[in-house]
PDB file of N, CA and C in Angstrom:
ATOM      1  N   MET A   1     111.340  90.830 185.222  1.00  0.00           N
ATOM      2  CA  MET A   1     111.149  91.449 183.936  1.00  0.00           C
ATOM      3  C   MET A   1     110.169  90.596 183.122  1.00  0.00           C
ATOM      4  N   LYS A   2     109.144  91.211 182.580  1.00  0.00           N
ATOM      5  CA  LYS A   2     108.167  90.516 181.766  1.00  0.00           C
ATOM      6  C   LYS A   2     108.742  90.286 180.374  1.00  0.00           C
ATOM      7  N   SER A   3     108.237  89.257 179.713  1.00  0.00           N
ATOM      8  CA  SER A   3     108.754  88.946 178.376  1.00  0.00           C
ATOM      9  C   SER A   3     108.422  90.044 177.368  1.00  0.00           C
ATOM     10  N   CYS A   4     107.349  90.759 177.567  1.00  0.00           N
ATOM     11  CA  CYS A   4     106.988  91.808 176.615  1.00  0.00           C
ATOM     12  C   CYS A   4     107.802  93.089 176.848  1.00  0.00           C
ATOM     13  N   ASP A   5     108.548  93.155 177.961  1.00  0.00           N
ATOM     14  CA  ASP A   5     109.391  94.315 178.215  1.00  0.00           C
ATOM     15  C   ASP A   5     110.700  94.257 177.427  1.00  0.00           C
ATOM     16  N   ARG A   6     111.101  93.062 177.027  1.00  0.00           N
ATOM     17  CA  ARG A   6     112.344  92.920 176.268  1.00  0.00           C
ATOM     18  C   ARG A   6     112.138  93.368 174.835  1.00  0.00           C
ATOM     19  N   ALA A   7     113.170  93.921 174.268  1.00  0.00           N
ATOM     20  CA  ALA A   7     113.098  94.352 172.873  1.00  0.00           C
ATOM     21  C   ALA A   7     113.094  93.119 171.982  1.00  0.00           C
ATOM     22  N   ALA A   8     112.200  93.098 171.044  1.00  0.00           N
ATOM     23  CA  ALA A   8     112.136  91.990 170.091  1.00  0.00           C
ATOM     24  C   ALA A   8     113.227  92.171 169.043  1.00  0.00           C
ATOM     25  N   PRO A   9     113.808  91.080 168.573  1.00  0.00           N
ATOM     26  CA  PRO A   9     114.825  91.213 167.529  1.00  0.00           C
ATOM     27  C   PRO A   9     114.185  91.698 166.233  1.00  0.00           C
ATOM     28  N   ALA A  10     114.955  92.397 165.448  1.00  0.00           N
ATOM     29  CA  ALA A  10     114.463  92.870 164.152  1.00  0.00           C
ATOM     30  C   ALA A  10     114.089  91.651 163.314  1.00  0.00           C
ATOM     31  N   PRO A  11     113.010  91.716 162.542  1.00  0.00           N
ATOM     32  CA  PRO A  11     112.534  90.537 161.819  1.00  0.00           C
ATOM     33  C   PRO A  11     113.539  89.981 160.814  1.00  0.00           C
ATOM     34  N   PHE A  12     114.409  90.811 160.267  1.00  0.00           N
ATOM     35  CA  PHE A  12     115.359  90.345 159.265  1.00  0.00           C
ATOM     36  C   PHE A  12     116.796  90.474 159.761  1.00  0.00           C
ATOM     37  N   SER A  13     116.995  90.487 161.072  1.00  0.00           N
ATOM     38  CA  SER A  13     118.329  90.752 161.618  1.00  0.00           C
ATOM     39  C   SER A  13     119.338  89.667 161.259  1.00  0.00           C
ATOM     40  N   GLY A  14     118.925  88.425 161.111  1.00  0.00           N
ATOM     41  CA  GLY A  14     119.852  87.347 160.794  1.00  0.00           C
ATOM     42  C   GLY A  14     120.005  87.093 159.308  1.00  0.00           C
ATOM     43  N   LEU A  15     119.338  87.855 158.488  1.00  0.00           N
ATOM     44  CA  LEU A  15     119.338  87.623 157.049  1.00  0.00           C
ATOM     45  C   LEU A  15     120.425  88.445 156.377  1.00  0.00           C
ATOM     46  N   LYS A  16     121.141  87.825 155.472  1.00  0.00           N
ATOM     47  CA  LYS A  16     122.173  88.542 154.731  1.00  0.00           C
ATOM     48  C   LYS A  16     121.502  89.576 153.829  1.00  0.00           C
ATOM     49  N   PRO A  17     122.119  90.751 153.680  1.00  0.00           N
ATOM     50  CA  PRO A  17     121.519  91.788 152.822  1.00  0.00           C
ATOM     51  C   PRO A  17     121.278  91.314 151.392  1.00  0.00           C
ATOM     52  N   SER A  18     122.175  90.499 150.863  1.00  0.00           N
ATOM     53  CA  SER A  18     121.990  90.028 149.486  1.00  0.00           C
ATOM     54  C   SER A  18     120.761  89.133 149.372  1.00  0.00           C
ATOM     55  N   LEU A  19     120.504  88.314 150.403  1.00  0.00           N
ATOM     56  CA  LEU A  19     119.314  87.456 150.370  1.00  0.00           C
ATOM     57  C   LEU A  19     118.045  88.277 150.511  1.00  0.00           C
ATOM     58  N   LEU A  20     118.102  89.298 151.345  1.00  0.00           N
ATOM     59  CA  LEU A  20     116.945  90.171 151.507  1.00  0.00           C
ATOM     60  C   LEU A  20     116.651  90.901 150.202  1.00  0.00           C
ATOM     61  N   LEU A  21     117.683  91.420 149.577  1.00  0.00           N
ATOM     62  CA  LEU A  21     117.511  92.119 148.300  1.00  0.00           C
ATOM     63  C   LEU A  21     116.956  91.179 147.238  1.00  0.00           C
ATOM     64  N   SER A  22     117.455  89.958 147.223  1.00  0.00           N
ATOM     65  CA  SER A  22     116.965  88.967 146.272  1.00  0.00           C
ATOM     66  C   SER A  22     115.486  88.665 146.503  1.00  0.00           C
ATOM     67  N   ALA A  23     115.087  88.534 147.756  1.00  0.00           N
ATOM     68  CA  ALA A  23     113.686  88.252 148.077  1.00  0.00           C
ATOM     69  C   ALA A  23     112.786  89.417 147.670  1.00  0.00           C
ATOM     70  N   VAL A  24     113.241  90.627 147.914  1.00  0.00           N
ATOM     71  CA  VAL A  24     112.461  91.815 147.529  1.00  0.00           C
ATOM     72  C   VAL A  24     112.353  91.887 146.014  1.00  0.00           C
ATOM     73  N   TRP A  25     113.433  91.579 145.317  1.00  0.00           N
ATOM     74  CA  TRP A  25     113.428  91.603 143.848  1.00  0.00           C
ATOM     75  C   TRP A  25     112.429  90.579 143.299  1.00  0.00           C
ATOM     76  N   ARG A  26     112.445  89.354 143.836  1.00  0.00           N
ATOM     77  CA  ARG A  26     111.519  88.323 143.373  1.00  0.00           C
ATOM     78  C   ARG A  26     110.074  88.721 143.641  1.00  0.00           C
ATOM     79  N   LEU A  27     109.829  89.327 144.792  1.00  0.00           N
ATOM     80  CA  LEU A  27     108.483  89.783 145.114  1.00  0.00           C
ATOM     81  C   LEU A  27     108.025  90.851 144.120  1.00  0.00           C
ATOM     82  N   GLY A  28     108.897  91.801 143.839  1.00  0.00           N
ATOM     83  CA  GLY A  28     108.566  92.844 142.864  1.00  0.00           C
ATOM     84  C   GLY A  28     108.300  92.273 141.483  1.00  0.00           C
ATOM     85  N   CYS A  29     109.091  91.298 141.072  1.00  0.00           N
ATOM     86  CA  CYS A  29     108.893  90.656 139.770  1.00  0.00           C
ATOM     87  C   CYS A  29     107.565  89.910 139.712  1.00  0.00           C
ATOM     88  N   SER A  30     107.217  89.231 140.796  1.00  0.00           N
ATOM     89  CA  SER A  30     105.942  88.500 140.795  1.00  0.00           C
ATOM     90  C   SER A  30     104.763  89.470 140.780  1.00  0.00           C
ATOM     91  N   TRP A  31     104.894  90.608 141.495  1.00  0.00           N
ATOM     92  CA  TRP A  31     103.834  91.617 141.446  1.00  0.00           C
ATOM     93  C   TRP A  31     103.692  92.195 140.045  1.00  0.00           C
ATOM     94  N   ALA A  32     104.803  92.462 139.383  1.00  0.00           N
ATOM     95  CA  ALA A  32     104.756  93.019 138.025  1.00  0.00           C
ATOM     96  C   ALA A  32     104.126  92.022 137.056  1.00  0.00           C
ATOM     97  N   GLU A  33     104.464  90.752 137.193  1.00  0.00           N
ATOM     98  CA  GLU A  33     103.893  89.724 136.318  1.00  0.00           C
ATOM     99  C   GLU A  33     102.392  89.577 136.564  1.00  0.00           C
ATOM    100  N   ARG A  34     101.982  89.600 137.819  1.00  0.00           N
ATOM    101  CA  ARG A  34     100.560  89.491 138.139  1.00  0.00           C
ATOM    102  C   ARG A  34      99.788  90.676 137.558  1.00  0.00           C
ATOM    103  N   ARG A  35     100.367  91.877 137.643  1.00  0.00           N
ATOM    104  CA  ARG A  35      99.733  93.070 137.080  1.00  0.00           C
ATOM    105  C   ARG A  35      99.605  92.939 135.559  1.00  0.00           C
ATOM    106  N   ARG A  36     100.689  92.457 134.913  1.00  0.00           N
ATOM    107  CA  ARG A  36     100.672  92.286 133.457  1.00  0.00           C
ATOM    108  C   ARG A  36      99.592  91.288 133.049  1.00  0.00           C
ATOM    109  N   GLN A  37      99.486  90.186 133.771  1.00  0.00           N
ATOM    110  CA  GLN A  37      98.481  89.174 133.452  1.00  0.00           C
ATOM    111  C   GLN A  37      97.067  89.713 133.633  1.00  0.00           C
ATOM    112  N   ARG A  38      96.837  90.488 134.675  1.00  0.00           N
ATOM    113  CA  ARG A  38      95.494  91.034 134.907  1.00  0.00           C
ATOM    114  C   ARG A  38      95.131  92.079 133.860  1.00  0.00           C
ATOM    115  N   LEU A  39      96.107  92.855 133.411  1.00  0.00           N
ATOM    116  CA  LEU A  39      95.840  93.810 132.332  1.00  0.00           C
ATOM    117  C   LEU A  39      95.511  93.070 131.039  1.00  0.00           C
ATOM    118  N   ALA A  40      96.224  91.981 130.765  1.00  0.00           N
ATOM    119  CA  ALA A  40      95.947  91.181 129.568  1.00  0.00           C
ATOM    120  C   ALA A  40      94.556  90.556 129.661  1.00  0.00           C
ATOM    121  N   LEU A  41      94.192  90.067 130.837  1.00  0.00           N
ATOM    122  CA  LEU A  41      92.865  89.485 131.034  1.00  0.00           C
ATOM    123  C   LEU A  41      91.774  90.531 130.814  1.00  0.00           C
ATOM    124  N   ALA A  42      92.008  91.746 131.283  1.00  0.00           N
ATOM    125  CA  ALA A  42      91.023  92.819 131.119  1.00  0.00           C
ATOM    126  C   ALA A  42      90.821  93.185 129.656  1.00  0.00           C
ATOM    127  N   ALA A  43      91.801  92.918 128.823  1.00  0.00           N
ATOM    128  CA  ALA A  43      91.718  93.281 127.406  1.00  0.00           C
ATOM    129  C   ALA A  43      90.989  92.228 126.563  1.00  0.00           C
ATOM    130  N   LEU A  44      90.668  91.075 127.135  1.00  0.00           N
ATOM    131  CA  LEU A  44      90.015  90.010 126.367  1.00  0.00           C
ATOM    132  C   LEU A  44      88.538  90.321 126.151  1.00  0.00           C
ATOM    133  N   ASP A  45      88.050  89.955 124.966  1.00  0.00           N
ATOM    134  CA  ASP A  45      86.622  90.142 124.685  1.00  0.00           C
ATOM    135  C   ASP A  45      85.837  88.904 125.144  1.00  0.00           C
ATOM    136  N   GLN A  46      84.516  88.968 125.001  1.00  0.00           N
ATOM    137  CA  GLN A  46      83.640  87.888 125.475  1.00  0.00           C
ATOM    138  C   GLN A  46      83.993  86.540 124.854  1.00  0.00           C
ATOM    139  N   ARG A  47      84.278  86.530 123.561  1.00  0.00           N
ATOM    140  CA  ARG A  47      84.593  85.275 122.868  1.00  0.00           C
ATOM    141  C   ARG A  47      85.852  84.635 123.451  1.00  0.00           C
ATOM    142  N   LEU A  48      86.884  85.436 123.683  1.00  0.00           N
ATOM    143  CA  LEU A  48      88.132  84.895 124.225  1.00  0.00           C
ATOM    144  C   LEU A  48      87.965  84.462 125.678  1.00  0.00           C
ATOM    145  N   LEU A  49      87.185  85.197 126.435  1.00  0.00           N
ATOM    146  CA  LEU A  49      86.907  84.777 127.811  1.00  0.00           C
ATOM    147  C   LEU A  49      86.181  83.436 127.823  1.00  0.00           C
ATOM    148  N   ARG A  50      85.219  83.279 126.927  1.00  0.00           N
ATOM    149  CA  ARG A  50      84.479  82.021 126.831  1.00  0.00           C
ATOM    150  C   ARG A  50      85.432  80.875 126.452  1.00  0.00           C
ATOM    151  N   ASP A  51      86.403  81.165 125.567  1.00  0.00           N
ATOM    152  CA  ASP A  51      87.382  80.144 125.156  1.00  0.00           C
ATOM    153  C   ASP A  51      88.218  79.640 126.335  1.00  0.00           C
ATOM    154  N   ILE A  52      88.509  80.510 127.288  1.00  0.00           N
ATOM    155  CA  ILE A  52      89.315  80.079 128.434  1.00  0.00           C
ATOM    156  C   ILE A  52      88.448  79.691 129.629  1.00  0.00           C
ATOM    157  N   GLY A  53      87.141  79.702 129.438  1.00  0.00           N
ATOM    158  CA  GLY A  53      86.227  79.208 130.464  1.00  0.00           C
ATOM    159  C   GLY A  53      85.906  80.192 131.572  1.00  0.00           C
ATOM    160  N   LEU A  54      85.964  81.490 131.260  1.00  0.00           N
ATOM    161  CA  LEU A  54      85.629  82.511 132.257  1.00  0.00           C
ATOM    162  C   LEU A  54      84.429  83.325 131.807  1.00  0.00           C
ATOM    163  N   THR A  55      83.641  83.764 132.772  1.00  0.00           N
ATOM    164  CA  THR A  55      82.578  84.720 132.478  1.00  0.00           C
ATOM    165  C   THR A  55      83.167  86.118 132.620  1.00  0.00           C
ATOM    166  N   SER A  56      82.465  87.099 132.117  1.00  0.00           N
ATOM    167  CA  SER A  56      82.955  88.472 132.244  1.00  0.00           C
ATOM    168  C   SER A  56      82.997  88.896 133.718  1.00  0.00           C
ATOM    169  N   GLY A  57      82.055  88.398 134.518  1.00  0.00           N
ATOM    170  CA  GLY A  57      82.051  88.708 135.948  1.00  0.00           C
ATOM    171  C   GLY A  57      83.265  88.143 136.667  1.00  0.00           C
ATOM    172  N   GLU A  58      83.628  86.901 136.327  1.00  0.00           N
ATOM    173  CA  GLU A  58      84.818  86.293 136.932  1.00  0.00           C
ATOM    174  C   GLU A  58      86.076  87.051 136.532  1.00  0.00           C
ATOM    175  N   ALA A  59      86.149  87.426 135.271  1.00  0.00           N
ATOM    176  CA  ALA A  59      87.309  88.180 134.793  1.00  0.00           C
ATOM    177  C   ALA A  59      87.367  89.548 135.476  1.00  0.00           C
ATOM    178  N   MET A  60      86.223  90.181 135.643  1.00  0.00           N
ATOM    179  CA  MET A  60      86.197  91.494 136.277  1.00  0.00           C
ATOM    180  C   MET A  60      86.637  91.414 137.738  1.00  0.00           C
ATOM    181  N   ARG A  61      86.179  90.371 138.441  1.00  0.00           N
ATOM    182  CA  ARG A  61      86.595  90.201 139.834  1.00  0.00           C
ATOM    183  C   ARG A  61      88.109  90.026 139.928  1.00  0.00           C
ATOM    184  N   GLU A  62      88.681  89.280 139.002  1.00  0.00           N
ATOM    185  CA  GLU A  62      90.128  89.063 139.028  1.00  0.00           C
ATOM    186  C   GLU A  62      90.886  90.338 138.664  1.00  0.00           C
ATOM    187  N   THR A  63      90.431  91.064 137.666  1.00  0.00           N
ATOM    188  CA  THR A  63      91.157  92.253 137.227  1.00  0.00           C
ATOM    189  C   THR A  63      90.965  93.430 138.179  1.00  0.00           C
ATOM    190  N   ASP A  64      89.950  93.380 139.013  1.00  0.00           N
ATOM    191  CA  ASP A  64      89.747  94.449 139.993  1.00  0.00           C
ATOM    192  C   ASP A  64      90.630  94.307 141.235  1.00  0.00           C
ATOM    193  N   LYS A  65      91.278  93.157 141.391  1.00  0.00           N
ATOM    194  CA  LYS A  65      92.145  92.947 142.555  1.00  0.00           C
ATOM    195  C   LYS A  65      93.417  93.792 142.432  1.00  0.00           C
ATOM    196  N   PRO A  66      93.937  94.289 143.540  1.00  0.00           N
ATOM    197  CA  PRO A  66      95.247  94.947 143.502  1.00  0.00           C
ATOM    198  C   PRO A  66      96.335  93.945 143.144  1.00  0.00           C
ATOM    199  N   PHE A  67      97.444  94.407 142.600  1.00  0.00           N
ATOM    200  CA  PHE A  67      98.505  93.525 142.132  1.00  0.00           C
ATOM    201  C   PHE A  67      99.113  92.657 143.238  1.00  0.00           C
ATOM    202  N   TRP A  68      99.008  93.079 144.484  1.00  0.00           N
ATOM    203  CA  TRP A  68      99.631  92.301 145.555  1.00  0.00           C
ATOM    204  C   TRP A  68      98.727  91.175 146.056  1.00  0.00           C
ATOM    205  N   TRP A  69      97.465  91.151 145.672  1.00  0.00           N
ATOM    206  CA  TRP A  69      96.564  90.054 146.065  1.00  0.00           C
ATOM    207  C   TRP A  69      96.751  88.886 145.136  1.00  0.00           C
ATOM    208  N   VAL A  70      96.741  87.682 145.702  1.00  0.00           N
ATOM    209  CA  VAL A  70      96.861  86.466 144.887  1.00  0.00           C
ATOM    210  C   VAL A  70      95.490  86.052 144.437  1.00  0.00           C
TER     211      VAL A  70
END
């Protein structure tokens, strides 16, 4: 029997449901926070961007990313 013929274990089979739920919750919270921060960044004008050391191009590149990208 080849090793690839055996069924692979489920990726989260040994994880308690409460820990899995907690991990999913934390991931969702971090995605929501990242989205909120990018929306706030998109609302800044040139003067405020200059105050935090960003160009409009840098801010645009960051705000154009999907919420799941770091």
